[in-house]
Amino acid sequence: MPDITRRRALTAAAAVAATASAATLVAPAASAAGHHAPATPDSFDEVYKGRRIQGRPEGGGGHHHAHGGGYAVFIDGVQLHLMRNADGSWISVISHYDPMPTPRAAARAAVDELQGAPLLPFPAN
């Protein structure tokens, strides 16, 4: 049996490194290809800390649909503008830097942040 040469050892090491890096690059692409958009949350209607919060799937297109992920939330009848992040979390105009897992949680966080103040309509561009 011939002894292994430095050239063969380096070739084998390069092949192993190339295979490992290719597997690393392909794995995220494969998982992204099988990734499905998160389902639209169910409707809710409740009183939270004395404020009526409502949420429901929103039909139609336009600016609000694009950012709100097809979902509308209201606090005392005034729309709370939401945006769905790529990871499926939700942020609102009130708590923009505090992502929430659901629109209901975003509405409750907004009520907490408002501390009894009314939600003012957000002007559309």
N, C-alpha and C. Protein backbone atom coordinates (compact mmCIF):
# COMPACT_ATOMS: atom_id res chain seq x y z
N MET A 1 0.85 -1.17 0.00
CA MET A 1 0.00 0.00 0.00
C MET A 1 0.90 1.23 0.00
N PRO A 2 0.66 2.14 -0.93
CA PRO A 2 1.52 3.31 -1.01
C PRO A 2 1.29 4.25 0.16
N ASP A 3 2.34 4.95 0.56
CA ASP A 3 2.21 5.95 1.62
C ASP A 3 1.47 7.17 1.08
N ILE A 4 0.76 7.85 1.96
CA ILE A 4 0.03 9.05 1.54
C ILE A 4 1.02 10.19 1.36
N THR A 5 0.84 10.89 0.28
CA THR A 5 1.72 12.04 0.01
C THR A 5 1.08 13.31 0.54
N ARG A 6 1.90 14.33 0.66
CA ARG A 6 1.39 15.60 1.12
C ARG A 6 0.32 16.13 0.15
N ARG A 7 0.54 15.93 -1.14
CA ARG A 7 -0.41 16.39 -2.15
C ARG A 7 -1.77 15.71 -1.96
N ARG A 8 -1.78 14.39 -1.73
CA ARG A 8 -3.04 13.67 -1.52
C ARG A 8 -3.72 14.12 -0.23
N ALA A 9 -2.95 14.35 0.82
CA ALA A 9 -3.53 14.80 2.09
C ALA A 9 -4.18 16.17 1.92
N LEU A 10 -3.50 17.08 1.24
CA LEU A 10 -4.06 18.41 1.03
C LEU A 10 -5.29 18.36 0.13
N THR A 11 -5.26 17.50 -0.89
CA THR A 11 -6.42 17.35 -1.76
C THR A 11 -7.62 16.82 -0.98
N ALA A 12 -7.38 15.82 -0.14
CA ALA A 12 -8.46 15.25 0.66
C ALA A 12 -9.01 16.29 1.64
N ALA A 13 -8.14 17.07 2.27
CA ALA A 13 -8.58 18.10 3.21
C ALA A 13 -9.39 19.17 2.49
N ALA A 14 -8.97 19.56 1.31
CA ALA A 14 -9.71 20.56 0.54
C ALA A 14 -11.08 20.02 0.14
N ALA A 15 -11.15 18.75 -0.23
CA ALA A 15 -12.43 18.16 -0.61
C ALA A 15 -13.38 18.12 0.58
N VAL A 16 -12.87 17.77 1.75
CA VAL A 16 -13.70 17.74 2.96
C VAL A 16 -14.19 19.15 3.30
N ALA A 17 -13.31 20.14 3.21
CA ALA A 17 -13.69 21.52 3.51
C ALA A 17 -14.73 22.02 2.52
N ALA A 18 -14.56 21.71 1.23
CA ALA A 18 -15.51 22.14 0.22
C ALA A 18 -16.87 21.50 0.43
N THR A 19 -16.88 20.23 0.79
CA THR A 19 -18.13 19.52 1.04
C THR A 19 -18.85 20.11 2.25
N ALA A 20 -18.11 20.42 3.31
CA ALA A 20 -18.72 20.99 4.51
C ALA A 20 -19.30 22.36 4.24
N SER A 21 -18.57 23.21 3.50
CA SER A 21 -19.08 24.55 3.23
C SER A 21 -20.27 24.50 2.28
N ALA A 22 -20.28 23.58 1.34
CA ALA A 22 -21.42 23.44 0.43
C ALA A 22 -22.65 23.00 1.20
N ALA A 23 -22.48 22.08 2.14
CA ALA A 23 -23.62 21.64 2.95
C ALA A 23 -24.16 22.77 3.80
N THR A 24 -23.27 23.62 4.29
CA THR A 24 -23.69 24.76 5.10
C THR A 24 -24.49 25.75 4.26
N LEU A 25 -24.10 25.97 3.02
CA LEU A 25 -24.80 26.91 2.15
C LEU A 25 -26.12 26.35 1.66
N VAL A 26 -26.20 25.05 1.43
CA VAL A 26 -27.41 24.45 0.90
C VAL A 26 -28.47 24.28 1.98
N ALA A 27 -28.09 24.02 3.21
CA ALA A 27 -29.06 23.76 4.28
C ALA A 27 -30.02 24.93 4.50
N PRO A 28 -29.54 26.19 4.64
CA PRO A 28 -30.50 27.28 4.81
C PRO A 28 -31.39 27.46 3.59
N ALA A 29 -30.86 27.27 2.40
CA ALA A 29 -31.68 27.43 1.20
C ALA A 29 -32.77 26.37 1.14
N ALA A 30 -32.44 25.16 1.55
CA ALA A 30 -33.43 24.09 1.55
C ALA A 30 -34.52 24.36 2.57
N SER A 31 -34.14 24.85 3.75
CA SER A 31 -35.16 25.13 4.75
C SER A 31 -36.00 26.33 4.34
N ALA A 32 -35.41 27.31 3.65
CA ALA A 32 -36.17 28.47 3.19
C ALA A 32 -37.15 28.06 2.10
N ALA A 33 -36.74 27.12 1.25
CA ALA A 33 -37.63 26.69 0.18
C ALA A 33 -38.85 25.99 0.74
N GLY A 34 -38.70 25.27 1.84
CA GLY A 34 -39.83 24.59 2.46
C GLY A 34 -40.58 25.46 3.45
N HIS A 35 -40.15 26.70 3.63
CA HIS A 35 -40.76 27.60 4.60
C HIS A 35 -42.10 28.12 4.07
N HIS A 36 -43.11 28.03 4.89
CA HIS A 36 -44.43 28.53 4.53
C HIS A 36 -44.71 29.79 5.33
N ALA A 37 -45.46 30.70 4.73
CA ALA A 37 -45.83 31.92 5.44
C ALA A 37 -46.69 31.57 6.65
N PRO A 38 -46.47 32.26 7.77
CA PRO A 38 -47.28 31.97 8.96
C PRO A 38 -48.76 32.22 8.68
N ALA A 39 -49.58 31.43 9.30
CA ALA A 39 -51.02 31.56 9.12
C ALA A 39 -51.51 32.88 9.72
N THR A 40 -52.59 33.39 9.15
CA THR A 40 -53.20 34.60 9.67
C THR A 40 -53.87 34.27 11.00
N PRO A 41 -53.61 35.07 12.03
CA PRO A 41 -54.21 34.80 13.35
C PRO A 41 -55.74 34.90 13.32
N ASP A 42 -56.37 34.25 14.27
CA ASP A 42 -57.83 34.31 14.40
C ASP A 42 -58.26 35.68 14.88
N SER A 43 -59.54 35.97 14.70
CA SER A 43 -60.13 37.21 15.19
C SER A 43 -60.21 37.19 16.70
N PHE A 44 -60.21 38.39 17.30
CA PHE A 44 -60.44 38.50 18.74
C PHE A 44 -61.20 39.78 19.01
N ASP A 45 -61.91 39.80 20.13
CA ASP A 45 -62.68 40.97 20.58
C ASP A 45 -62.78 40.86 22.09
N GLU A 46 -62.09 41.72 22.80
CA GLU A 46 -62.08 41.63 24.25
C GLU A 46 -61.90 43.01 24.87
N VAL A 47 -62.13 43.08 26.15
CA VAL A 47 -61.85 44.29 26.92
C VAL A 47 -60.60 44.00 27.73
N TYR A 48 -59.58 44.83 27.53
CA TYR A 48 -58.31 44.69 28.23
C TYR A 48 -58.01 45.99 28.95
N LYS A 49 -57.93 45.92 30.27
CA LYS A 49 -57.67 47.09 31.11
C LYS A 49 -58.62 48.24 30.79
N GLY A 50 -59.90 47.88 30.59
CA GLY A 50 -60.93 48.88 30.33
C GLY A 50 -60.99 49.39 28.90
N ARG A 51 -60.16 48.87 28.02
CA ARG A 51 -60.14 49.29 26.62
C ARG A 51 -60.61 48.13 25.75
N ARG A 52 -61.43 48.43 24.76
CA ARG A 52 -61.90 47.39 23.85
C ARG A 52 -60.86 47.22 22.74
N ILE A 53 -60.31 46.02 22.65
CA ILE A 53 -59.37 45.71 21.58
C ILE A 53 -59.99 44.65 20.68
N GLN A 54 -59.83 44.85 19.39
CA GLN A 54 -60.39 43.95 18.39
C GLN A 54 -59.34 43.68 17.33
N GLY A 55 -59.37 42.49 16.79
CA GLY A 55 -58.48 42.14 15.70
C GLY A 55 -59.18 41.18 14.77
N ARG A 56 -58.90 41.34 13.48
CA ARG A 56 -59.54 40.47 12.49
C ARG A 56 -58.73 40.48 11.20
N PRO A 57 -58.82 39.39 10.45
CA PRO A 57 -58.18 39.38 9.13
C PRO A 57 -58.78 40.50 8.29
N GLU A 58 -57.91 41.10 7.49
CA GLU A 58 -58.32 42.25 6.68
C GLU A 58 -58.23 41.88 5.21
N GLY A 59 -59.31 42.10 4.50
CA GLY A 59 -59.31 41.83 3.07
C GLY A 59 -58.87 43.04 2.29
N GLY A 60 -58.68 42.85 1.00
CA GLY A 60 -58.32 43.97 0.13
C GLY A 60 -56.83 44.18 0.09
N GLY A 61 -56.41 45.13 -0.70
CA GLY A 61 -54.98 45.40 -0.86
C GLY A 61 -54.65 46.76 -0.33
N GLY A 62 -53.61 47.32 -0.87
CA GLY A 62 -53.22 48.67 -0.49
C GLY A 62 -52.13 48.68 0.56
N HIS A 63 -51.80 49.88 0.98
CA HIS A 63 -50.70 50.12 1.91
C HIS A 63 -50.89 49.38 3.23
N HIS A 64 -52.06 49.46 3.80
CA HIS A 64 -52.29 48.83 5.11
C HIS A 64 -52.16 47.33 5.02
N HIS A 65 -52.67 46.76 3.94
CA HIS A 65 -52.59 45.32 3.78
C HIS A 65 -51.14 44.86 3.66
N ALA A 66 -50.35 45.65 2.97
CA ALA A 66 -48.95 45.25 2.74
C ALA A 66 -48.16 45.20 4.04
N HIS A 67 -48.34 46.16 4.91
CA HIS A 67 -47.56 46.21 6.14
C HIS A 67 -48.22 45.44 7.28
N GLY A 68 -49.52 45.41 7.32
CA GLY A 68 -50.22 44.77 8.42
C GLY A 68 -50.37 43.28 8.27
N GLY A 69 -49.81 42.72 7.23
CA GLY A 69 -49.88 41.28 7.06
C GLY A 69 -51.30 40.78 6.84
N GLY A 70 -52.20 41.65 6.34
CA GLY A 70 -53.57 41.24 6.11
C GLY A 70 -54.38 41.14 7.38
N TYR A 71 -54.00 41.91 8.40
CA TYR A 71 -54.67 41.83 9.69
C TYR A 71 -54.87 43.25 10.22
N ALA A 72 -56.04 43.53 10.77
CA ALA A 72 -56.36 44.86 11.32
C ALA A 72 -56.65 44.74 12.81
N VAL A 73 -56.11 45.69 13.58
CA VAL A 73 -56.33 45.74 15.03
C VAL A 73 -56.88 47.12 15.38
N PHE A 74 -57.83 47.15 16.30
CA PHE A 74 -58.45 48.40 16.73
C PHE A 74 -58.43 48.49 18.25
N ILE A 75 -58.20 49.69 18.74
CA ILE A 75 -58.31 49.99 20.18
C ILE A 75 -59.39 51.05 20.30
N ASP A 76 -60.48 50.70 20.97
CA ASP A 76 -61.64 51.60 21.12
C ASP A 76 -62.09 52.14 19.76
N GLY A 77 -62.04 51.29 18.74
CA GLY A 77 -62.52 51.66 17.41
C GLY A 77 -61.53 52.38 16.53
N VAL A 78 -60.36 52.72 17.04
CA VAL A 78 -59.32 53.40 16.26
C VAL A 78 -58.29 52.36 15.84
N GLN A 79 -57.94 52.37 14.55
CA GLN A 79 -57.01 51.36 14.06
C GLN A 79 -55.60 51.58 14.60
N LEU A 80 -55.04 50.49 15.13
CA LEU A 80 -53.64 50.44 15.55
C LEU A 80 -52.86 49.89 14.37
N HIS A 81 -51.97 50.66 13.82
CA HIS A 81 -51.22 50.21 12.65
C HIS A 81 -50.17 49.20 13.07
N LEU A 82 -50.24 48.04 12.43
CA LEU A 82 -49.33 46.93 12.71
C LEU A 82 -48.49 46.62 11.49
N MET A 83 -47.37 45.96 11.76
CA MET A 83 -46.54 45.44 10.69
C MET A 83 -46.05 44.06 11.11
N ARG A 84 -46.08 43.14 10.17
CA ARG A 84 -45.59 41.79 10.45
C ARG A 84 -44.15 41.69 9.99
N ASN A 85 -43.30 41.23 10.88
CA ASN A 85 -41.89 41.05 10.57
C ASN A 85 -41.68 39.74 9.82
N ALA A 86 -40.52 39.61 9.22
CA ALA A 86 -40.20 38.40 8.45
C ALA A 86 -40.22 37.15 9.32
N ASP A 87 -39.92 37.28 10.61
CA ASP A 87 -39.91 36.12 11.50
C ASP A 87 -41.29 35.77 12.03
N GLY A 88 -42.33 36.51 11.59
CA GLY A 88 -43.69 36.23 12.03
C GLY A 88 -44.13 37.04 13.23
N SER A 89 -43.22 37.79 13.85
CA SER A 89 -43.60 38.63 14.99
C SER A 89 -44.31 39.89 14.49
N TRP A 90 -44.91 40.63 15.40
CA TRP A 90 -45.70 41.82 15.05
C TRP A 90 -45.18 43.02 15.83
N ILE A 91 -45.15 44.18 15.17
CA ILE A 91 -44.83 45.44 15.84
C ILE A 91 -45.93 46.44 15.51
N SER A 92 -46.10 47.40 16.38
CA SER A 92 -47.11 48.44 16.14
C SER A 92 -46.44 49.80 16.14
N VAL A 93 -47.21 50.78 15.75
CA VAL A 93 -46.71 52.15 15.74
C VAL A 93 -46.44 52.62 17.18
N ILE A 94 -47.07 52.01 18.16
CA ILE A 94 -46.88 52.37 19.57
C ILE A 94 -45.64 51.70 20.15
N SER A 95 -45.45 50.43 19.85
CA SER A 95 -44.30 49.69 20.40
C SER A 95 -43.46 49.13 19.26
N HIS A 96 -42.88 50.03 18.48
CA HIS A 96 -42.17 49.66 17.26
C HIS A 96 -40.93 48.80 17.52
N TYR A 97 -40.28 48.98 18.65
CA TYR A 97 -39.04 48.25 18.93
C TYR A 97 -39.23 47.08 19.88
N ASP A 98 -40.47 46.68 20.08
CA ASP A 98 -40.77 45.57 20.98
C ASP A 98 -41.66 44.57 20.25
N PRO A 99 -41.09 43.66 19.46
CA PRO A 99 -41.90 42.71 18.70
C PRO A 99 -42.73 41.80 19.61
N MET A 100 -43.94 41.52 19.17
CA MET A 100 -44.86 40.65 19.90
C MET A 100 -45.18 39.43 19.05
N PRO A 101 -45.54 38.32 19.71
CA PRO A 101 -45.80 37.09 18.95
C PRO A 101 -47.12 37.10 18.18
N THR A 102 -48.10 37.90 18.63
CA THR A 102 -49.41 37.92 17.98
C THR A 102 -49.95 39.35 17.92
N PRO A 103 -50.92 39.60 17.04
CA PRO A 103 -51.56 40.92 17.04
C PRO A 103 -52.25 41.24 18.36
N ARG A 104 -52.83 40.24 19.00
CA ARG A 104 -53.47 40.47 20.31
C ARG A 104 -52.45 40.96 21.33
N ALA A 105 -51.29 40.33 21.34
CA ALA A 105 -50.23 40.76 22.27
C ALA A 105 -49.76 42.17 21.93
N ALA A 106 -49.70 42.51 20.64
CA ALA A 106 -49.31 43.86 20.23
C ALA A 106 -50.36 44.88 20.67
N ALA A 107 -51.63 44.52 20.58
CA ALA A 107 -52.71 45.41 21.03
C ALA A 107 -52.64 45.62 22.54
N ARG A 108 -52.42 44.55 23.28
CA ARG A 108 -52.32 44.67 24.74
C ARG A 108 -51.10 45.52 25.13
N ALA A 109 -49.98 45.33 24.44
CA ALA A 109 -48.78 46.13 24.72
C ALA A 109 -49.04 47.61 24.43
N ALA A 110 -49.80 47.89 23.37
CA ALA A 110 -50.13 49.28 23.05
C ALA A 110 -51.02 49.89 24.13
N VAL A 111 -51.99 49.12 24.63
CA VAL A 111 -52.85 49.62 25.72
C VAL A 111 -52.00 49.91 26.95
N ASP A 112 -51.08 49.03 27.26
CA ASP A 112 -50.18 49.25 28.41
C ASP A 112 -49.38 50.54 28.21
N GLU A 113 -48.87 50.72 27.00
CA GLU A 113 -48.02 51.88 26.70
C GLU A 113 -48.83 53.18 26.70
N LEU A 114 -50.07 53.12 26.25
CA LEU A 114 -50.92 54.33 26.21
C LEU A 114 -51.28 54.84 27.61
N GLN A 115 -51.31 53.96 28.60
CA GLN A 115 -51.60 54.33 29.98
C GLN A 115 -52.86 55.18 30.11
N GLY A 116 -53.92 54.77 29.39
CA GLY A 116 -55.20 55.47 29.48
C GLY A 116 -55.39 56.56 28.44
N ALA A 117 -54.36 56.98 27.77
CA ALA A 117 -54.49 58.00 26.73
C ALA A 117 -55.19 57.41 25.51
N PRO A 118 -55.93 58.22 24.79
CA PRO A 118 -56.61 57.69 23.59
C PRO A 118 -55.60 57.42 22.46
N LEU A 119 -55.91 56.42 21.67
CA LEU A 119 -55.12 56.14 20.47
C LEU A 119 -55.60 57.11 19.40
N LEU A 120 -54.71 57.90 18.86
CA LEU A 120 -55.06 58.86 17.83
C LEU A 120 -54.91 58.21 16.46
N PRO A 121 -55.78 58.58 15.51
CA PRO A 121 -55.64 58.02 14.17
C PRO A 121 -54.28 58.36 13.58
N PHE A 122 -53.70 57.39 12.90
CA PHE A 122 -52.39 57.56 12.27
C PHE A 122 -52.63 58.05 10.85
N PRO A 123 -52.06 59.20 10.47
CA PRO A 123 -52.32 59.73 9.13
C PRO A 123 -51.72 58.85 8.05
N ALA A 124 -52.49 58.58 7.02
CA ALA A 124 -51.99 57.80 5.88
C ALA A 124 -51.22 58.72 4.94
N ASN A 125 -50.20 58.17 4.32
CA ASN A 125 -49.40 58.97 3.37
C ASN A 125 -50.08 59.07 2.04
